[in-house]
C-alpha atoms as a PDB file:
ATOM      1  CA  MET A   1       6.434  45.204  57.553  1.00  0.00           C
ATOM      2  CA  VAL A   2       9.194  43.739  59.807  1.00  0.00           C
ATOM      3  CA  TYR A   3       9.577  45.318  63.512  1.00  0.00           C
ATOM      4  CA  GLU A   4      12.672  45.277  65.459  1.00  0.00           C
ATOM      5  CA  SER A   5      13.242  45.471  68.896  1.00  0.00           C
ATOM      6  CA  TYR A   6      16.526  44.972  71.434  1.00  0.00           C
ATOM      7  CA  ILE A   7      17.809  43.615  74.612  1.00  0.00           C
ATOM      8  CA  ALA A   8      21.260  44.584  75.797  1.00  0.00           C
ATOM      9  CA  ASN A   9      20.791  43.179  79.282  1.00  0.00           C
ATOM     10  CA  GLY A  10      21.090  39.469  79.556  1.00  0.00           C
ATOM     11  CA  LEU A  11      22.990  37.512  81.260  1.00  0.00           C
ATOM     12  CA  CYS A  12      22.897  33.351  81.635  1.00  0.00           C
ATOM     13  CA  ARG A  13      25.663  31.908  83.934  1.00  0.00           C
ATOM     14  CA  GLN A  14      26.762  30.125  87.040  1.00  0.00           C
ATOM     15  CA  PRO A  15      29.018  31.547  89.261  1.00  0.00           C
ATOM     16  CA  THR A  16      32.645  30.482  89.626  1.00  0.00           C
ATOM     17  CA  GLU A  17      35.525  31.188  92.093  1.00  0.00           C
ATOM     18  CA  GLU A  18      37.034  33.474  88.946  1.00  0.00           C
ATOM     19  CA  ASP A  19      33.462  35.239  88.498  1.00  0.00           C
ATOM     20  CA  ALA A  20      31.049  35.427  90.694  1.00  0.00           C
ATOM     21  CA  ARG A  21      27.756  36.738  88.892  1.00  0.00           C
ATOM     22  CA  ARG A  22      24.843  34.519  88.216  1.00  0.00           C
ATOM     23  CA  GLY A  23      21.649  35.230  86.007  1.00  0.00           C
ATOM     24  CA  TYR A  24      18.805  33.899  83.929  1.00  0.00           C
ATOM     25  CA  SER A  25      15.902  35.274  81.834  1.00  0.00           C
ATOM     26  CA  GLU A  26      12.462  34.916  81.547  1.00  0.00           C
ATOM     27  CA  PHE A  27      10.086  36.401  78.963  1.00  0.00           C
ATOM     28  CA  ARG A  28       6.630  37.619  78.038  1.00  0.00           C
ATOM     29  CA  PHE A  29       5.841  37.930  74.319  1.00  0.00           C
ATOM     30  CA  PHE A  30       2.653  39.793  73.494  1.00  0.00           C
ATOM     31  CA  ASN A  31       1.079  40.383  70.119  1.00  0.00           C
ATOM     32  CA  PRO A  32      -1.760  42.508  70.910  1.00  0.00           C
ATOM     33  CA  SER A  33      -3.023  42.334  67.180  1.00  0.00           C
ATOM     34  CA  ASP A  34      -5.671  40.461  65.181  1.00  0.00           C
ATOM     35  CA  ARG A  35      -3.002  38.944  63.009  1.00  0.00           C
ATOM     36  CA  ALA A  36      -0.375  36.375  63.733  1.00  0.00           C
ATOM     37  CA  ALA A  37       3.284  37.333  64.226  1.00  0.00           C
ATOM     38  CA  ARG A  38       6.121  35.259  63.048  1.00  0.00           C
ATOM     39  CA  ILE A  39       9.013  35.699  65.575  1.00  0.00           C
ATOM     40  CA  GLU A  40      12.667  35.450  64.670  1.00  0.00           C
ATOM     41  CA  LEU A  41      15.382  36.066  67.728  1.00  0.00           C
ATOM     42  CA  ARG A  42      19.008  36.477  67.145  1.00  0.00           C
ATOM     43  CA  VAL A  43      21.355  36.029  70.434  1.00  0.00           C
ATOM     44  CA  TYR A  44      24.432  38.271  70.723  1.00  0.00           C
ATOM     45  CA  TYR A  45      27.380  37.278  72.586  1.00  0.00           C
ATOM     46  CA  PRO A  46      30.971  38.927  74.046  1.00  0.00           C
ATOM     47  CA  ASP A  47      33.285  36.673  72.362  1.00  0.00           C
ATOM     48  CA  ARG A  48      31.847  34.662  69.257  1.00  0.00           C
ATOM     49  CA  PRO A  49      29.392  35.637  66.353  1.00  0.00           C
ATOM     50  CA  PRO A  50      25.805  35.721  67.039  1.00  0.00           C
ATOM     51  CA  CYS A  51      23.249  32.878  66.767  1.00  0.00           C
ATOM     52  CA  ASP A  52      19.797  32.561  65.084  1.00  0.00           C
ATOM     53  CA  LEU A  53      17.109  30.524  66.986  1.00  0.00           C
ATOM     54  CA  PRO A  54      14.368  28.593  64.998  1.00  0.00           C
ATOM     55  CA  ALA A  55      11.546  31.104  64.023  1.00  0.00           C
ATOM     56  CA  TRP A  56       8.122  30.570  65.585  1.00  0.00           C
ATOM     57  CA  GLU A  57       4.573  32.231  65.335  1.00  0.00           C
ATOM     58  CA  LEU A  58       2.783  34.123  68.187  1.00  0.00           C
ATOM     59  CA  GLU A  59      -0.726  33.928  67.524  1.00  0.00           C
ATOM     60  CA  ALA A  60      -3.106  36.922  67.298  1.00  0.00           C
ATOM     61  CA  TRP A  61      -3.691  38.331  71.004  1.00  0.00           C
ATOM     62  CA  GLY A  62      -0.791  35.436  72.057  1.00  0.00           C
ATOM     63  CA  ASN A  63       0.964  35.964  75.088  1.00  0.00           C
ATOM     64  CA  ARG A  64       4.075  33.597  75.348  1.00  0.00           C
ATOM     65  CA  TYR A  65       6.279  32.499  78.241  1.00  0.00           C
ATOM     66  CA  VAL A  66      10.071  31.841  77.124  1.00  0.00           C
ATOM     67  CA  ALA A  67      13.118  31.482  79.374  1.00  0.00           C
ATOM     68  CA  PHE A  68      16.950  31.232  79.144  1.00  0.00           C
ATOM     69  CA  PRO A  69      18.335  29.165  79.076  1.00  0.00           C
ATOM     70  CA  GLU A  70      15.628  26.432  79.787  1.00  0.00           C
ATOM     71  CA  HIS A  71      13.963  26.638  76.286  1.00  0.00           C
ATOM     72  CA  TYR A  72      17.107  27.325  74.326  1.00  0.00           C
ATOM     73  CA  ALA A  73      19.784  25.558  76.216  1.00  0.00           C
ATOM     74  CA  GLU A  74      22.307  25.180  73.522  1.00  0.00           C
ATOM     75  CA  ALA A  75      22.543  28.549  72.824  1.00  0.00           C
ATOM     76  CA  THR A  76      22.276  30.209  76.233  1.00  0.00           C
ATOM     77  CA  THR A  77      23.562  27.760  78.907  1.00  0.00           C
ATOM     78  CA  ASP A  78      26.320  29.668  80.880  1.00  0.00           C
ATOM     79  CA  VAL A  79      27.087  31.760  77.908  1.00  0.00           C
ATOM     80  CA  GLY A  80      27.604  34.920  80.373  1.00  0.00           C
ATOM     81  CA  PRO A  81      26.445  38.176  79.019  1.00  0.00           C
ATOM     82  CA  TRP A  82      24.266  38.107  76.153  1.00  0.00           C
ATOM     83  CA  GLY A  83      22.001  40.731  73.811  1.00  0.00           C
ATOM     84  CA  MET A  84      19.193  39.922  71.549  1.00  0.00           C
ATOM     85  CA  ARG A  85      17.362  41.246  68.269  1.00  0.00           C
ATOM     86  CA  VAL A  86      13.654  40.581  68.011  1.00  0.00           C
ATOM     87  CA  ARG A  87      12.008  40.689  64.440  1.00  0.00           C
ATOM     88  CA  SER A  88       8.674  40.349  64.123  1.00  0.00           C
ATOM     89  CA  SER A  89       5.863  40.797  61.230  1.00  0.00           C
ATOM     90  CA  GLU A  90       3.621  42.752  63.886  1.00  0.00           C
ATOM     91  CA  ARG A  91       4.344  44.884  66.264  1.00  0.00           C
ATOM     92  CA  VAL A  92       4.919  42.810  69.385  1.00  0.00           C
ATOM     93  CA  MET A  93       5.716  43.673  73.370  1.00  0.00           C
ATOM     94  CA  VAL A  94       9.012  42.131  74.480  1.00  0.00           C
ATOM     95  CA  ASP A  95       8.995  42.256  78.463  1.00  0.00           C
ATOM     96  CA  HIS A  96      12.342  41.026  79.750  1.00  0.00           C
ATOM     97  CA  ILE A  97      12.546  40.019  83.125  1.00  0.00           C
ATOM     98  CA  LEU A  98      16.450  39.233  84.309  1.00  0.00           C
ATOM     99  CA  ILE A  99      16.846  37.601  87.639  1.00  0.00           C
ATOM    100  CA  ALA A 100      20.576  38.195  88.522  1.00  0.00           C
ATOM    101  CA  GLY A 101      23.605  39.075  90.561  1.00  0.00           C
ATOM    102  CA  MET A 102      26.813  38.071  92.110  1.00  0.00           C
ATOM    103  CA  ALA A 103      27.333  34.950  94.554  1.00  0.00           C
ATOM    104  CA  GLY A 104      28.030  35.391  98.234  1.00  0.00           C
ATOM    105  CA  ARG A 105      29.273  33.363 101.131  1.00  0.00           C
ATOM    106  CA  ALA A 106      27.216  29.893 100.915  1.00  0.00           C
ATOM    107  CA  GLU A 107      25.439  30.187 104.365  1.00  0.00           C
ATOM    108  CA  ASN A 108      24.167  33.351 103.068  1.00  0.00           C
ATOM    109  CA  LEU A 109      22.420  32.140  99.688  1.00  0.00           C
ATOM    110  CA  ARG A 110      19.020  33.045 100.984  1.00  0.00           C
ATOM    111  CA  PHE A 111      19.867  36.848  99.742  1.00  0.00           C
ATOM    112  CA  ALA A 112      20.196  35.576  96.243  1.00  0.00           C
ATOM    113  CA  GLY A 113      17.897  37.103  93.856  1.00  0.00           C
ATOM    114  CA  GLY A 114      17.325  40.319  92.492  1.00  0.00           C
ATOM    115  CA  VAL A 115      14.635  41.491  89.478  1.00  0.00           C
ATOM    116  CA  SER A 116      15.111  43.598  87.064  1.00  0.00           C
ATOM    117  CA  ASP A 117      11.699  44.052  84.590  1.00  0.00           C
ATOM    118  CA  VAL A 118      12.697  46.077  81.484  1.00  0.00           C
ATOM    119  CA  LEU A 119      10.783  46.190  78.009  1.00  0.00           C
ATOM    120  CA  ALA A 120      12.662  45.504  74.824  1.00  0.00           C
ATOM    121  CA  LYS A 121      14.341  48.695  73.018  1.00  0.00           C
ATOM    122  CA  GLU A 122      12.377  49.560  69.886  1.00  0.00           C
ATOM    123  CA  GLY A 123      15.225  51.336  68.194  1.00  0.00           C
ATOM    124  CA  LEU A 124      19.015  51.901  67.937  1.00  0.00           C
ATOM    125  CA  SER A 125      20.718  55.108  68.769  1.00  0.00           C
ATOM    126  CA  ARG A 126      24.333  56.740  68.932  1.00  0.00           C
ATOM    127  CA  ARG A 127      23.281  58.598  71.827  1.00  0.00           C
ATOM    128  CA  TRP A 128      22.051  57.474  75.172  1.00  0.00           C
ATOM    129  CA  VAL A 129      21.491  59.254  78.336  1.00  0.00           C
ATOM    130  CA  PHE A 130      20.986  58.023  81.874  1.00  0.00           C
ATOM    131  CA  GLY A 131      19.857  60.883  84.740  1.00  0.00           C
ATOM    132  CA  ASP A 132      20.418  58.810  87.636  1.00  0.00           C
ATOM    133  CA  GLY A 133      24.211  57.330  88.087  1.00  0.00           C
ATOM    134  CA  LEU A 134      25.562  56.093  91.595  1.00  0.00           C
ATOM    135  CA  LYS A 135      27.958  53.918  93.043  1.00  0.00           C
ATOM    136  CA  LEU A 136      27.527  54.133  96.921  1.00  0.00           C
ATOM    137  CA  GLU A 137      30.220  53.137  99.629  1.00  0.00           C
ATOM    138  CA  PHE A 138      29.626  53.781 103.216  1.00  0.00           C
ATOM    139  CA  ASP A 139      31.566  53.563 106.339  1.00  0.00           C
ATOM    140  CA  PRO A 140      29.733  50.503 107.933  1.00  0.00           C
ATOM    141  CA  ALA A 141      29.791  52.286 111.326  1.00  0.00           C
ATOM    142  CA  LYS A 142      28.078  55.381 109.771  1.00  0.00           C
ATOM    143  CA  ALA A 143      25.843  53.869 107.097  1.00  0.00           C
ATOM    144  CA  PRO A 144      22.500  55.563 106.659  1.00  0.00           C
ATOM    145  CA  LEU A 145      21.468  52.392 104.516  1.00  0.00           C
ATOM    146  CA  PRO A 146      22.092  48.631 105.234  1.00  0.00           C
ATOM    147  CA  PHE A 147      23.923  48.129 102.013  1.00  0.00           C
ATOM    148  CA  ASN A 148      26.115  49.737  99.364  1.00  0.00           C
ATOM    149  CA  GLU A 149      25.144  49.977  95.375  1.00  0.00           C
ATOM    150  CA  PHE A 150      26.766  50.026  92.442  1.00  0.00           C
ATOM    151  CA  GLU A 151      25.692  49.606  88.620  1.00  0.00           C
ATOM    152  CA  TRP A 152      26.088  47.024  85.850  1.00  0.00           C
ATOM    153  CA  PHE A 153      25.854  48.721  82.426  1.00  0.00           C
ATOM    154  CA  HIS A 154      25.228  46.560  79.153  1.00  0.00           C
ATOM    155  CA  LEU A 155      26.258  47.471  75.638  1.00  0.00           C
ATOM    156  CA  LEU A 156      24.763  45.913  72.338  1.00  0.00           C
ATOM    157  CA  ASN A 157      26.439  46.504  68.980  1.00  0.00           C
ATOM    158  CA  PRO A 158      24.636  44.531  66.300  1.00  0.00           C
ATOM    159  CA  GLY A 159      25.896  46.377  63.620  1.00  0.00           C
ATOM    160  CA  ALA A 160      28.682  44.904  60.931  1.00  0.00           C
ATOM    161  CA  SER A 161      31.582  47.581  62.391  1.00  0.00           C
ATOM    162  CA  GLU A 162      33.230  48.078  65.647  1.00  0.00           C
ATOM    163  CA  ALA A 163      31.417  50.788  67.629  1.00  0.00           C
ATOM    164  CA  THR A 164      33.687  52.761  69.657  1.00  0.00           C
ATOM    165  CA  VAL A 165      31.432  54.528  72.908  1.00  0.00           C
ATOM    166  CA  THR A 166      32.479  57.360  74.743  1.00  0.00           C
ATOM    167  CA  MET A 167      30.959  57.063  78.160  1.00  0.00           C
ATOM    168  CA  THR A 168      30.780  60.298  80.128  1.00  0.00           C
ATOM    169  CA  CYS A 169      29.985  60.632  84.190  1.00  0.00           C
ATOM    170  CA  VAL A 170      28.530  64.006  84.648  1.00  0.00           C
ATOM    171  CA  TYR A 171      28.871  65.300  88.184  1.00  0.00           C
ATOM    172  CA  ASP A 172      28.107  69.201  87.481  1.00  0.00           C
ATOM    173  CA  ALA A 173      28.769  71.519  84.646  1.00  0.00           C
ATOM    174  CA  THR A 174      32.582  71.414  85.171  1.00  0.00           C
ATOM    175  CA  THR A 175      33.361  67.932  86.738  1.00  0.00           C
ATOM    176  CA  ARG A 176      33.408  65.063  84.312  1.00  0.00           C
ATOM    177  CA  ASP A 177      34.950  62.168  83.863  1.00  0.00           C
ATOM    178  CA  THR A 178      35.000  60.242  80.304  1.00  0.00           C
ATOM    179  CA  PHE A 179      36.024  56.678  79.273  1.00  0.00           C
ATOM    180  CA  GLU A 180      36.473  55.445  76.030  1.00  0.00           C
ATOM    181  CA  LEU A 181      35.004  51.507  75.206  1.00  0.00           C
ATOM    182  CA  ALA A 182      35.503  49.194  72.131  1.00  0.00           C
ATOM    183  CA  VAL A 183      32.255  47.035  71.349  1.00  0.00           C
ATOM    184  CA  PRO A 184      33.068  44.631  68.556  1.00  0.00           C
ATOM    185  CA  ALA A 185      30.598  44.266  65.543  1.00  0.00           C
ATOM    186  CA  GLU A 186      27.582  42.115  66.813  1.00  0.00           C
ATOM    187  CA  ARG A 187      28.823  41.823  70.172  1.00  0.00           C
ATOM    188  CA  VAL A 188      27.538  42.694  73.377  1.00  0.00           C
ATOM    189  CA  LEU A 189      29.519  44.388  76.426  1.00  0.00           C
ATOM    190  CA  MET A 190      28.920  44.436  79.991  1.00  0.00           C
ATOM    191  CA  PHE A 191      30.906  46.037  82.746  1.00  0.00           C
ATOM    192  CA  ASP A 192      30.105  47.831  86.089  1.00  0.00           C
ATOM    193  CA  ASN A 193      30.877  51.499  87.448  1.00  0.00           C
ATOM    194  CA  ARG A 194      32.908  50.297  90.808  1.00  0.00           C
ATOM    195  CA  GLU A 195      36.101  51.440  89.165  1.00  0.00           C
ATOM    196  CA  MET A 196      34.822  54.218  87.159  1.00  0.00           C
ATOM    197  CA  ALA A 197      32.348  56.693  89.031  1.00  0.00           C
ATOM    198  CA  ARG A 198      33.101  58.935  92.216  1.00  0.00           C
ATOM    199  CA  LYS A 199      31.441  57.348  95.443  1.00  0.00           C
ATOM    200  CA  ASN A 200      28.617  58.880  97.000  1.00  0.00           C
ATOM    201  CA  LEU A 201      28.182  61.229  94.177  1.00  0.00           C
ATOM    202  CA  GLY A 202      24.715  61.210  91.850  1.00  0.00           C
ATOM    203  CA  HIS A 203      25.572  61.614  88.273  1.00  0.00           C
ATOM    204  CA  GLY A 204      24.245  61.459  85.042  1.00  0.00           C
ATOM    205  CA  VAL A 205      25.793  59.707  82.260  1.00  0.00           C
ATOM    206  CA  LEU A 206      26.280  60.437  78.650  1.00  0.00           C
ATOM    207  CA  PHE A 207      27.154  57.689  76.059  1.00  0.00           C
ATOM    208  CA  GLU A 208      28.117  58.718  72.597  1.00  0.00           C
ATOM    209  CA  SER A 209      28.825  56.018  69.770  1.00  0.00           C
ATOM    210  CA  THR A 210      30.224  55.963  66.250  1.00  0.00           C
ATOM    211  CA  SER A 211      27.613  53.416  65.072  1.00  0.00           C
ATOM    212  CA  PRO A 212      23.917  52.771  66.441  1.00  0.00           C
ATOM    213  CA  VAL A 213      23.642  50.728  69.616  1.00  0.00           C
ATOM    214  CA  VAL A 214      21.458  49.844  72.564  1.00  0.00           C
ATOM    215  CA  ILE A 215      22.504  50.543  76.289  1.00  0.00           C
ATOM    216  CA  GLU A 216      20.712  49.425  79.376  1.00  0.00           C
ATOM    217  CA  SER A 217      21.796  49.819  82.998  1.00  0.00           C
ATOM    218  CA  THR A 218      20.926  47.992  86.311  1.00  0.00           C
ATOM    219  CA  ARG A 219      21.583  48.755  89.857  1.00  0.00           C
ATOM    220  CA  LEU A 220      22.818  46.365  92.363  1.00  0.00           C
ATOM    221  CA  ILE A 221      22.909  46.386  96.236  1.00  0.00           C
ATOM    222  CA  TYR A 222      25.610  44.327  98.501  1.00  0.00           C
ATOM    223  CA  GLY A 223      26.716  44.266 102.090  1.00  0.00           C
ATOM    224  CA  LEU A 224      28.468  46.786 103.710  1.00  0.00           C
ATOM    225  CA  GLN A 225      31.071  44.477 104.578  1.00  0.00           C
ATOM    226  CA  GLY A 226      31.838  44.185 100.876  1.00  0.00           C
ATOM    227  CA  VAL A 227      30.207  41.885  97.917  1.00  0.00           C
ATOM    228  CA  GLU A 228      31.504  38.855  99.724  1.00  0.00           C
ATOM    229  CA  GLU A 229      29.194  39.295 102.673  1.00  0.00           C
ATOM    230  CA  TRP A 230      26.433  38.178 100.733  1.00  0.00           C
ATOM    231  CA  GLY A 231      26.871  38.847  97.303  1.00  0.00           C
ATOM    232  CA  ALA A 232      25.008  41.163  95.346  1.00  0.00           C
ATOM    233  CA  GLN A 233      21.879  41.220  93.962  1.00  0.00           C
ATOM    234  CA  ILE A 234      19.804  43.250  91.457  1.00  0.00           C
ATOM    235  CA  HIS A 235      17.837  46.348  93.233  1.00  0.00           C
ATOM    236  CA  THR A 236      16.305  48.172  89.922  1.00  0.00           C
ATOM    237  CA  PRO A 237      16.563  48.370  86.347  1.00  0.00           C
ATOM    238  CA  ARG A 238      18.111  52.185  85.375  1.00  0.00           C
ATOM    239  CA  PRO A 239      15.773  53.730  82.649  1.00  0.00           C
ATOM    240  CA  GLY A 240      17.901  55.413  79.648  1.00  0.00           C
ATOM    241  CA  ALA A 241      16.689  57.616  77.035  1.00  0.00           C
ATOM    242  CA  ALA A 242      17.691  57.341  73.274  1.00  0.00           C
ATOM    243  CA  GLY A 243      18.625  60.150  71.087  1.00  0.00           C
ATOM    244  CA  TRP A 244      19.519  62.937  73.557  1.00  0.00           C
END
């Protein structure tokens, strides 16, 4: 039997003047069984065909640490957003720790580094629901919190055909905004909600896709004076449910 799980929210890159995003990943692979598991990893990119990494064995009751780009430099150094499929001969747990954000002014680098910790998703779906969408933009003079917030969304389409994904931000029964996204076959798409969500209004987010995909979300915080102040750092992963 072959088991599959997926990661959509990878980001491996160093910031540049054109794109301030930064990120790297750590993993824990845990095999809670009495049999060794063969592990096969396929990495998906936004702009090129996927890459199959060399297969390896995770011993019975084994726990292995893997880092991107450290352990697979040729496939994951400065590639930007990425997704991954994990195939295994036994059911293994894959814990993905993403350390990421956006660079701010050099003198404020002490703020760099937020962490998202999520388990790889064990299935694809044409429908994903997130119950807590948000974009906060406060007046600095009246802000109840010392930061603003926005969200990254990560869409992985591991299939052989393009997926058309409809994203609906639902504010109440009659107020909603809809956006259409195209995710090419065997590609990953990453975007944020700063130009999409209505500010300071909590909402649900519904994704409907023409083919099975994996969707993940991450919330970031940034200074009241803007992202340039001290960058943006991961605040928390945003859980989503498949199949609703």
